[in-house]
């Protein structure tokens, strides 16, 4: 059955439209038409002002709704995370595994593949963050799991990609600890390789870029910074025009000025917002366990006993709000950074990230003060206030 969403300002992924109606037919967007020209026989769903935009896409989600994925590598935990993040406008995500044993990671990847196979919408694939890191830049990842990559790791990651149709596997690693040719093996098979938790030098990163490394995980955090004589990981990331950078805009991980510097340096479309969210998002519980240690949320910040940041406590609507109001980015660009650009990075922009005829009806409606009121995933609505 068709329905028309009316009454909100529509952001298509490219521009804002006023006094338009968005027609949904089943799982897909059928048309955008001036409201005055809307067929009167189509059922109308009124939206009281605000903005109707493409649903947000979060490529780094450790947990949500009370579930922490590395602790519970199950399909039910993935659904809990989806449900926990949907009220923040996220309609697609990559469940993220932090550093642990190979067996835990394999179980997590299998759970994500099973979720996709059973028809759960909103799961683009999986993000394996670690354990192939530099010890000095491990952040909140437990040191007992940090190790170098072996051929067996490459083999199962490649097999995971090949076993699924259009199943995205993102791997974050420290490129200086990868042997020559290892990154090439992964990227040639379709694994999306990102640099993160790395103390590599500029030359290490450029060598990895030449092997197909295409992204940088939570830019600025847990990576060698830029100095005048050593561009480091950050310098290599900002100089390269082809790679993508995720960034956590929560007022704790990155200074607003540093974010603006990155946005000025990278070509438009190569910076995207992530939350790096933990299980407290979308949950009344404000603590969770990592490696047997309880992490508490305080004033929106998560820190472990070592004083290290342990992910974030924001949802994507918070990232959009802060990127707009705190960093100073135009709303249209913040919305692209939350949807279109991550869709492009995941090569899913042929059906996600825009409000265009034929695209999947993944949508978010929020008020002018950034409260999410409704979301749609494949045309299925959910009300949040």
Protein backbone atom coordinates (compact mmCIF):
# COMPACT_ATOMS: atom_id res chain seq x y z
CA UNK A 1 0.00 0.00 0.00
CA UNK A 2 1.18 3.46 -0.81
CA UNK A 3 1.56 6.24 1.72
CA UNK A 4 2.68 9.84 1.44
CA UNK A 5 4.73 11.60 4.10
CA UNK A 6 3.79 15.27 4.22
CA UNK A 7 4.39 18.34 6.36
CA UNK A 8 8.17 18.19 6.81
CA UNK A 9 11.02 19.84 5.00
CA UNK A 10 12.63 17.09 2.92
CA UNK A 11 16.38 16.68 2.54
CA UNK A 12 17.07 14.47 -0.48
CA UNK A 13 20.76 13.93 0.20
CA UNK A 14 21.53 16.79 -2.15
CA UNK A 15 19.08 19.59 -1.37
CA UNK A 16 16.19 20.68 0.82
CA UNK A 17 12.67 20.71 -0.63
CA UNK A 18 9.75 22.59 0.90
CA UNK A 19 6.07 21.76 0.40
CA UNK A 20 6.83 18.35 -1.11
CA UNK A 21 5.35 14.92 -0.40
CA UNK A 22 7.38 11.71 -0.25
CA UNK A 23 5.50 8.71 -1.63
CA UNK A 24 6.46 5.25 -0.33
CA UNK A 25 5.30 2.03 -1.98
CA UNK A 26 6.20 -1.06 0.00
CA UNK A 27 9.93 -1.06 0.84
CA UNK A 28 10.89 1.63 -1.65
CA UNK A 29 10.57 5.30 -2.37
CA UNK A 30 8.26 5.80 -5.31
CA UNK A 31 8.31 9.55 -5.87
CA UNK A 32 8.86 13.06 -4.61
CA UNK A 33 6.06 15.34 -5.75
CA UNK A 34 4.92 18.88 -4.91
CA UNK A 35 2.28 18.49 -2.23
CA UNK A 36 -0.25 20.41 -4.29
CA UNK A 37 0.06 17.76 -7.02
CA UNK A 38 -0.26 14.73 -4.73
CA UNK A 39 -2.90 12.19 -5.75
CA UNK A 40 -5.70 12.64 -3.22
CA UNK A 41 -6.31 8.88 -3.11
CA UNK A 42 -2.94 8.21 -1.45
CA UNK A 43 -3.04 7.84 2.33
CA UNK A 44 -1.20 10.76 3.94
CA UNK A 45 0.94 10.58 7.06
CA UNK A 46 1.32 14.11 8.46
CA UNK A 47 4.63 15.18 9.97
CA UNK A 48 4.56 18.31 12.10
CA UNK A 49 7.39 20.30 10.56
CA UNK A 50 11.00 19.36 11.16
CA UNK A 51 13.22 17.55 8.66
CA UNK A 52 12.70 14.29 6.78
CA UNK A 53 16.08 12.90 5.68
CA UNK A 54 17.74 9.68 4.56
CA UNK A 55 18.20 7.34 7.51
CA UNK A 56 21.55 7.55 9.25
CA UNK A 57 24.27 4.97 8.63
CA UNK A 58 26.72 4.23 11.46
CA UNK A 59 29.82 2.22 10.56
CA UNK A 60 31.11 1.80 14.13
CA UNK A 61 28.62 0.50 16.69
CA UNK A 62 30.00 -1.56 19.56
CA UNK A 63 26.68 -1.84 21.33
CA UNK A 64 23.28 -0.39 22.01
CA UNK A 65 20.03 -1.06 23.82
CA UNK A 66 21.97 -2.70 26.64
CA UNK A 67 23.77 -5.21 24.37
CA UNK A 68 27.54 -5.18 23.85
CA UNK A 69 28.32 -7.16 20.72
CA UNK A 70 31.73 -8.58 21.63
CA UNK A 71 30.21 -9.95 24.85
CA UNK A 72 27.15 -11.38 23.10
CA UNK A 73 27.80 -12.49 19.53
CA UNK A 74 24.22 -13.43 18.75
CA UNK A 75 21.53 -12.44 16.27
CA UNK A 76 19.33 -11.33 19.15
CA UNK A 77 22.05 -8.95 20.37
CA UNK A 78 22.30 -7.46 16.89
CA UNK A 79 18.54 -6.87 16.85
CA UNK A 80 18.78 -5.27 20.30
CA UNK A 81 21.48 -2.93 19.02
CA UNK A 82 19.39 -1.99 15.99
CA UNK A 83 16.40 -1.31 18.22
CA UNK A 84 18.54 0.73 20.61
CA UNK A 85 19.96 2.98 17.91
CA UNK A 86 16.84 3.46 15.83
CA UNK A 87 15.45 6.20 18.13
CA UNK A 88 18.64 8.15 17.37
CA UNK A 89 17.89 8.03 13.62
CA UNK A 90 20.20 5.16 12.68
CA UNK A 91 18.59 2.85 10.15
CA UNK A 92 21.71 0.92 9.03
CA UNK A 93 24.88 0.02 10.90
CA UNK A 94 27.94 -2.18 11.14
CA UNK A 95 27.96 -4.15 14.41
CA UNK A 96 31.52 -3.77 15.68
CA UNK A 97 33.73 -6.30 17.43
CA UNK A 98 36.58 -5.02 19.58
CA UNK A 99 39.85 -6.91 20.09
CA UNK A 100 39.31 -10.44 21.33
CA UNK A 101 40.12 -14.01 20.31
CA UNK A 102 39.78 -15.23 16.74
CA UNK A 103 36.97 -17.52 17.91
CA UNK A 104 34.96 -14.61 19.32
CA UNK A 105 35.42 -12.64 16.10
CA UNK A 106 34.41 -15.60 13.96
CA UNK A 107 31.28 -16.08 16.07
CA UNK A 108 30.44 -12.39 15.70
CA UNK A 109 30.88 -12.39 11.94
CA UNK A 110 28.73 -15.51 11.67
CA UNK A 111 26.01 -13.86 13.76
CA UNK A 112 25.98 -10.84 11.46
CA UNK A 113 25.86 -13.08 8.40
CA UNK A 114 22.97 -15.02 9.96
CA UNK A 115 21.14 -11.75 10.72
CA UNK A 116 21.47 -10.68 7.09
CA UNK A 117 20.43 -14.14 5.84
CA UNK A 118 17.29 -14.12 7.99
CA UNK A 119 16.21 -10.83 6.43
CA UNK A 120 16.95 -8.42 9.27
CA UNK A 121 17.12 -5.01 7.65
CA UNK A 122 19.63 -2.38 8.62
CA UNK A 123 22.73 -4.58 8.91
CA UNK A 124 25.25 -3.73 6.20
CA UNK A 125 27.94 -6.12 7.42
CA UNK A 126 30.44 -6.22 10.25
CA UNK A 127 33.32 -4.10 11.54
CA UNK A 128 36.19 -6.06 13.09
CA UNK A 129 38.18 -3.53 15.11
CA UNK A 130 41.39 -5.27 16.12
CA UNK A 131 43.28 -7.14 17.40
CA UNK A 132 46.12 -6.29 14.98
CA UNK A 133 47.07 -3.04 16.72
CA UNK A 134 50.07 -1.23 18.08
CA UNK A 135 50.32 -1.79 21.82
CA UNK A 136 51.06 1.87 22.53
CA UNK A 137 47.87 2.95 20.71
CA UNK A 138 45.53 0.20 21.88
CA UNK A 139 43.24 2.59 23.76
CA UNK A 140 40.66 0.64 25.77
CA UNK A 141 41.41 -2.61 23.91
CA UNK A 142 42.86 -5.21 26.29
CA UNK A 143 46.58 -5.80 25.81
CA UNK A 144 46.29 -9.57 26.18
CA UNK A 145 44.47 -9.80 22.84
CA UNK A 146 46.76 -7.52 20.79
CA UNK A 147 48.78 -9.56 18.29
CA UNK A 148 50.13 -9.65 14.75
CA UNK A 149 48.06 -10.85 11.84
CA UNK A 150 48.55 -14.41 10.61
CA UNK A 151 47.61 -16.04 7.32
CA UNK A 152 44.80 -17.89 9.09
CA UNK A 153 43.24 -14.54 10.00
CA UNK A 154 43.36 -13.40 6.39
CA UNK A 155 41.90 -16.68 5.18
CA UNK A 156 38.79 -16.58 7.35
CA UNK A 157 38.14 -12.89 6.77
CA UNK A 158 38.35 -13.39 3.00
CA UNK A 159 36.11 -16.44 3.25
CA UNK A 160 33.53 -14.39 5.18
CA UNK A 161 33.32 -11.89 2.34
CA UNK A 162 33.08 -14.53 -0.36
CA UNK A 163 30.42 -16.52 1.49
CA UNK A 164 27.87 -13.69 1.41
CA UNK A 165 26.44 -11.61 -1.39
CA UNK A 166 27.11 -7.91 -0.86
CA UNK A 167 28.26 -8.50 2.72
CA UNK A 168 30.65 -5.82 3.96
CA UNK A 169 33.56 -6.75 6.21
CA UNK A 170 35.53 -3.79 7.57
CA UNK A 171 38.81 -4.48 9.36
CA UNK A 172 40.65 -1.87 11.41
CA UNK A 173 44.35 -2.57 11.91
CA UNK A 174 47.71 -0.90 12.51
CA UNK A 175 49.36 -0.93 9.07
CA UNK A 176 52.91 -0.84 10.43
CA UNK A 177 52.36 -4.31 11.91
CA UNK A 178 51.07 -5.86 8.67
CA UNK A 179 53.62 -7.75 6.59
CA UNK A 180 54.09 -6.57 2.99
CA UNK A 181 51.27 -7.93 0.85
CA UNK A 182 48.87 -8.79 3.68
CA UNK A 183 46.69 -5.72 3.24
CA UNK A 184 46.68 -6.34 -0.51
CA UNK A 185 45.40 -9.88 0.05
CA UNK A 186 42.51 -8.53 2.10
CA UNK A 187 41.54 -5.61 -0.10
CA UNK A 188 41.79 -7.64 -3.31
CA UNK A 189 39.21 -10.01 -1.86
CA UNK A 190 36.83 -7.18 -0.92
CA UNK A 191 37.66 -6.63 2.75
CA UNK A 192 37.48 -2.90 3.58
CA UNK A 193 40.72 -2.17 5.45
CA UNK A 194 41.07 0.89 7.68
CA UNK A 195 43.95 2.20 9.76
CA UNK A 196 43.38 2.64 13.45
CA UNK A 197 45.05 2.14 16.82
CA UNK A 198 48.31 2.71 15.01
CA UNK A 199 51.64 4.32 15.84
CA UNK A 200 52.74 4.06 12.23
CA UNK A 201 54.78 6.63 10.41
CA UNK A 202 53.71 8.46 7.27
CA UNK A 203 55.61 5.96 5.09
CA UNK A 204 53.83 3.00 6.72
CA UNK A 205 50.46 4.50 5.89
CA UNK A 206 51.30 5.45 2.32
CA UNK A 207 52.56 1.90 1.71
CA UNK A 208 49.26 0.56 3.07
CA UNK A 209 47.28 2.97 0.89
CA UNK A 210 49.15 1.57 -2.10
CA UNK A 211 47.97 -1.91 -1.05
CA UNK A 212 44.33 -0.78 -0.96
CA UNK A 213 43.81 0.59 2.55
CA UNK A 214 40.83 2.91 2.10
CA UNK A 215 39.82 4.31 5.46
CA UNK A 216 40.81 5.67 8.85
CA UNK A 217 38.95 4.70 12.02
CA UNK A 218 38.00 7.50 14.45
CA UNK A 219 40.40 10.07 13.00
CA UNK A 220 42.80 11.66 15.51
CA UNK A 221 42.10 9.06 18.19
CA UNK A 222 44.55 6.22 18.87
CA UNK A 223 46.90 7.19 16.04
CA UNK A 224 50.23 8.98 15.63
CA UNK A 225 49.52 12.72 15.27
CA UNK A 226 51.02 15.19 12.84
CA UNK A 227 54.13 17.24 13.61
CA UNK A 228 56.19 19.48 11.38
CA UNK A 229 58.81 16.82 10.69
CA UNK A 230 56.61 13.73 10.92
CA UNK A 231 53.19 13.82 9.22
CA UNK A 232 52.25 10.62 11.02
CA UNK A 233 49.00 8.74 10.50
CA UNK A 234 46.85 11.85 10.78
CA UNK A 235 48.92 13.70 8.19
CA UNK A 236 48.77 10.78 5.77
CA UNK A 237 45.01 10.53 6.26
CA UNK A 238 44.41 14.22 5.65
CA UNK A 239 46.72 14.39 2.64
CA UNK A 240 45.22 11.44 0.80
CA UNK A 241 42.31 12.45 -1.41
CA UNK A 242 40.88 9.00 -2.05
CA UNK A 243 40.43 7.54 1.42
CA UNK A 244 37.58 8.03 3.89
CA UNK A 245 37.82 9.09 7.54
CA UNK A 246 35.33 8.36 10.28
CA UNK A 247 35.16 10.91 13.08
CA UNK A 248 33.51 10.90 16.53
CA UNK A 249 31.87 14.25 17.25
CA UNK A 250 30.87 13.99 20.91
CA UNK A 251 32.92 16.91 22.40
CA UNK A 252 35.29 14.39 24.04
CA UNK A 253 37.13 12.58 21.25
CA UNK A 254 37.95 15.55 19.00
CA UNK A 255 38.19 19.32 19.45
CA UNK A 256 35.84 21.28 17.21
CA UNK A 257 38.78 23.12 15.63
CA UNK A 258 40.51 19.82 14.85
CA UNK A 259 37.34 18.62 13.14
CA UNK A 260 37.21 21.80 11.05
CA UNK A 261 40.87 21.33 10.04
CA UNK A 262 40.11 17.80 8.87
CA UNK A 263 37.04 18.91 6.93
CA UNK A 264 39.08 21.61 5.20
CA UNK A 265 41.87 19.19 4.30
CA UNK A 266 39.86 16.24 2.97
CA UNK A 267 37.88 16.42 -0.27
CA UNK A 268 34.16 16.87 0.27
CA UNK A 269 32.50 13.52 0.81
CA UNK A 270 35.46 11.76 2.42
CA UNK A 271 34.62 12.51 6.07
CA UNK A 272 31.75 10.68 7.73
CA UNK A 273 30.26 10.63 11.22
CA UNK A 274 30.42 7.60 13.49
CA UNK A 275 29.32 7.14 17.09
CA UNK A 276 31.66 4.37 18.34
CA UNK A 277 28.67 3.81 20.63
CA UNK A 278 28.58 1.42 23.53
CA UNK A 279 25.65 -0.48 25.02
CA UNK A 280 24.38 2.48 27.07
CA UNK A 281 22.94 4.15 23.95
CA UNK A 282 19.22 3.43 23.81
CA UNK A 283 19.31 1.81 27.25
CA UNK A 284 18.43 3.00 30.76
CA UNK A 285 21.55 1.22 32.00
CA UNK A 286 24.51 3.60 32.25
CA UNK A 287 27.23 1.02 32.78
CA UNK A 288 28.48 -2.06 30.94
CA UNK A 289 31.29 -4.60 30.98
CA UNK A 290 34.43 -4.67 28.84
CA UNK A 291 36.88 -7.48 29.54
CA UNK A 292 35.26 -8.03 32.94
CA UNK A 293 35.66 -4.37 33.93
CA UNK A 294 32.65 -2.16 34.54
CA UNK A 295 32.61 1.07 32.51
CA UNK A 296 30.38 3.88 33.74
CA UNK A 297 28.89 6.71 31.74
CA UNK A 298 29.35 10.11 33.35
CA UNK A 299 28.27 13.36 31.72
CA UNK A 300 28.07 11.57 28.38
CA UNK A 301 31.66 10.30 28.64
CA UNK A 302 32.89 6.70 28.96
CA UNK A 303 36.32 6.12 30.54
CA UNK A 304 37.91 2.90 31.82
CA UNK A 305 39.99 2.43 34.97
CA UNK A 306 43.15 3.43 33.08
CA UNK A 307 41.54 6.77 32.22
CA UNK A 308 41.23 5.84 28.54
CA UNK A 309 38.17 6.76 26.51
CA UNK A 310 36.05 3.64 26.02
CA UNK A 311 33.83 4.44 23.07
CA UNK A 312 31.06 7.00 23.22
CA UNK A 313 27.59 7.47 24.64
CA UNK A 314 26.02 9.30 21.68
CA UNK A 315 23.62 8.33 18.93
CA UNK A 316 23.80 9.59 15.36
CA UNK A 317 21.29 12.40 15.88
CA UNK A 318 23.65 13.71 18.58
CA UNK A 319 26.57 13.57 16.16
CA UNK A 320 24.54 15.49 13.56
CA UNK A 321 23.49 18.10 16.13
CA UNK A 322 27.00 18.61 17.50
CA UNK A 323 28.58 18.65 14.05
CA UNK A 324 26.14 21.41 13.09
CA UNK A 325 25.85 23.47 16.25
CA UNK A 326 29.27 22.88 17.87
CA UNK A 327 31.65 22.35 14.95
CA UNK A 328 29.74 24.78 12.71
CA UNK A 329 28.98 22.62 9.67
CA UNK A 330 25.87 23.35 7.59
CA UNK A 331 23.02 20.96 8.40
CA UNK A 332 22.90 19.63 4.84
CA UNK A 333 26.55 18.59 5.02
CA UNK A 334 26.13 17.07 8.48
CA UNK A 335 23.26 14.97 7.13
CA UNK A 336 25.40 13.81 4.21
CA UNK A 337 28.16 12.88 6.66
CA UNK A 338 25.61 10.78 8.56
CA UNK A 339 24.14 8.99 5.57
CA UNK A 340 25.28 9.60 2.00
CA UNK A 341 29.04 9.52 2.62
CA UNK A 342 29.09 6.30 4.68
CA UNK A 343 26.79 4.76 2.05
CA UNK A 344 29.31 5.71 -0.62
CA UNK A 345 32.19 4.28 1.41
CA UNK A 346 30.31 0.98 1.75
CA UNK A 347 29.29 1.08 -1.94
CA UNK A 348 25.66 1.03 -0.84
CA UNK A 349 24.80 4.43 -2.31
CA UNK A 350 22.86 2.79 -5.14
CA UNK A 351 20.02 2.16 -2.68
CA UNK A 352 20.83 4.07 0.54
CA UNK A 353 21.81 7.62 1.49
CA UNK A 354 19.39 9.55 -0.71
CA UNK A 355 15.68 10.19 -1.04
CA UNK A 356 15.32 9.19 -4.67
CA UNK A 357 12.78 7.12 -6.57
CA UNK A 358 13.71 3.45 -6.41
CA UNK A 359 15.87 3.73 -3.27
CA UNK A 360 14.98 1.80 -0.13
CA UNK A 361 12.71 3.79 2.14
CA UNK A 362 15.15 4.19 5.03
CA UNK A 363 14.23 7.54 6.56
CA UNK A 364 14.48 9.65 9.68
CA UNK A 365 12.24 12.51 10.76
CA UNK A 366 13.47 14.87 13.45
CA UNK A 367 12.34 18.16 14.92
CA UNK A 368 14.15 21.47 14.61
CA UNK A 369 15.72 20.81 18.01
CA UNK A 370 17.04 17.39 16.91
CA UNK A 371 14.53 15.05 18.52
CA UNK A 372 13.87 11.97 16.38
CA UNK A 373 10.12 11.42 16.06
CA UNK A 374 9.89 8.70 13.40
CA UNK A 375 12.08 6.32 11.43
CA UNK A 376 11.38 4.00 8.54
CA UNK A 377 13.46 0.96 7.59
CA UNK A 378 12.54 -0.54 4.21
CA UNK A 379 9.26 1.35 4.46
CA UNK A 380 8.36 0.01 7.91
CA UNK A 381 7.59 2.90 10.29
CA UNK A 382 8.48 3.32 13.93
CA UNK A 383 7.36 6.19 16.17
CA UNK A 384 9.77 7.39 18.86
CA UNK A 385 7.83 10.06 20.77
